[in-house]
Amino acid sequence: MAKPGFFEYVADRLVSGAESELAARLTSEALRMLAEGVAEPDRYAVLARLCPQALSAVLAEAGPSVEREASAALAEALAAEEEALDAEMGAGRPGVAAEISAGAKAGVEQIIRRQNVAMADDLARLWYRVAGKAVARTLQGDSRRAVMEDAVRALADKGLETVDYASRRRTSVDAATRRHMVTQASQARARLLVQRCDEHGVALVFTSAHYGARPSHAAWQGKAYGLHGPVTVGGVRYPGLAEATGYGGVAGLCGANCRHTFHPYSPGGTRLPDTRFEAEEDAFGQTSDERYAALQRQRELERRVRKYKRRVAMGQESGLDMAADRARLGRAQAEVRAWCKANGLPRRYDLERAYGVREQPRALRETPEQRAKRQIAELKAAGKAHVHEAAQNKHVPGTKEFEDKRRSLEAKAMKTGAAAYPSQSYFTGTPEEVCRMVERAVGTGEPLIGRDGRWTGRELVDIGRGIGFVVDVDGTETPTGSITIHYSKRGVHGVPRRAE
């Protein structure tokens, strides 16, 4: 057999080659007409008529080369499989492999052609909606930069999708193309193997097995089956391949996104794959099912990276900075790095590349201050930045917590014999007023960054009016309008601080 991953390699070559070039040309044309419409709103109606024609012209010029490359890539993959089968089982009946290959090539050309027509049509319809909204905002006086950035995001997120006709689900064109190629190659290879088995009288086959298989496929991987149904050989009953594995169906063996293959099996002569995966579990500390879940999470994080890369690349092609999305890209890449490191997974940089763009963009690295402000905003959005009243009342005279804190300071001074604060810094105002003030101040100041570049969990805020007093060791009280907000798992509380 061809080496594992060969079909994926051939599919990736198409996806990153002619198909990607077609997608990039369609994207550039849509962006050009969008910028023209925003710059000259009066031309929107004309551009709306021209856009479908322009995209169709790009498809007519570049589409056939995509189909030819898909056909050639599939032929190469199947030729390698035929050569491997010849070496393993002996030559087959002349003309059969060529017939199977021709059918598979015709099938994949039709699928790719239909998919690309749908992609261009969908992009034209999306352009009409996005450009119409952008032009309306421009006429209302919104800034061109804001209008274009929002429009580019909309085109980037939905502009290169296609509909799976079986499930009716939308998916990215690159993922769909890769799936079509691998599935067509896998199914053609399976038909070739079945034909060769029939010619040589082989009644049994076994399925391949790999660590991290999807749970529904892990149930049948690495076992022997009757090729054409349940069969008894040498007194052993073997279940049928199709019945046990779903072979022939979209969700089964050799179906969509399935990496499994099957091979001739000889009882007593063929060693079945070891599906215990003890070495892998020892190396990674995960069961096969846990590995599958970890890989699925990695694919999800990679999709997020591609999303922001595509936004940034399209924005930069339109002369926009896209700083917010560049920062989001940096965070998304950091998540992938952390997840792969924690789970012993290799980075798949090929799956982090933006699709259908002229250049791969770079992320905007967050400064420590930006990272801290984002963390504060996330705490606030999650409802974890509420004021912890007990901690806050330690700095509000007249409360039990304030008196308890004062007595604690006195006891500490008496115990150690060292100079200690006679009282804590305190706020003026009622406990309710202080809590409201601190709550409003959350996220409005400057995070305090430590020497290691990490946020200390404190935020310095200038309230802009007198809010209390800072108490020194000698008892001197200094009025202040600044506070330090302390963040903890229990919530937040503010402490008066000396103004800078």
Foldseek 3Di string as FASTA:
>chain_A
DPDFCLLLVLLLCLQPPLVLQLLLVLLLLLLVLLVVCLVPVVCLVVSLVCSLVVNVVSCVVRVVVSLVSLLVSLVVLLVVLQVVCCVVQNHDDPPPSVVLSVVLSVVLSVVSSVFSVQLSVVLSVQSSVLSVVLSVVSVVPDDNQVSSLVSLLSCLVPNAWGADPVVRDIDGPSLVSSQSSQLSSQVSSQVVQVNSCVRVVFQKKAKADDFQDAPLQLVRHQDMAGDQAWDADPNDIHGHPCVRFVPPDQPGDSHGPHSMHMGGDDVPPDDTDDSQCPVVCVVQVDHSNRSNVLVVVLLVLLVQLLSLQSSCLSQVSSVHRPQVSLQVNVVSVVVNVVSCVNRVHDDDVSSNAHGNGDDGDHHDHDALQRVVLVVLVVCVVVVQAADDLLVQCCQAPPDPSVVVNLVVQVVVCVVVVDQTFNGAWHWPDDSVVQRVLVVVQRSVFTFDADPVSHTPQKGKGQQPDWTTWGADSVGDTDTGRIWIWGHDSSHIHIGGDHDD
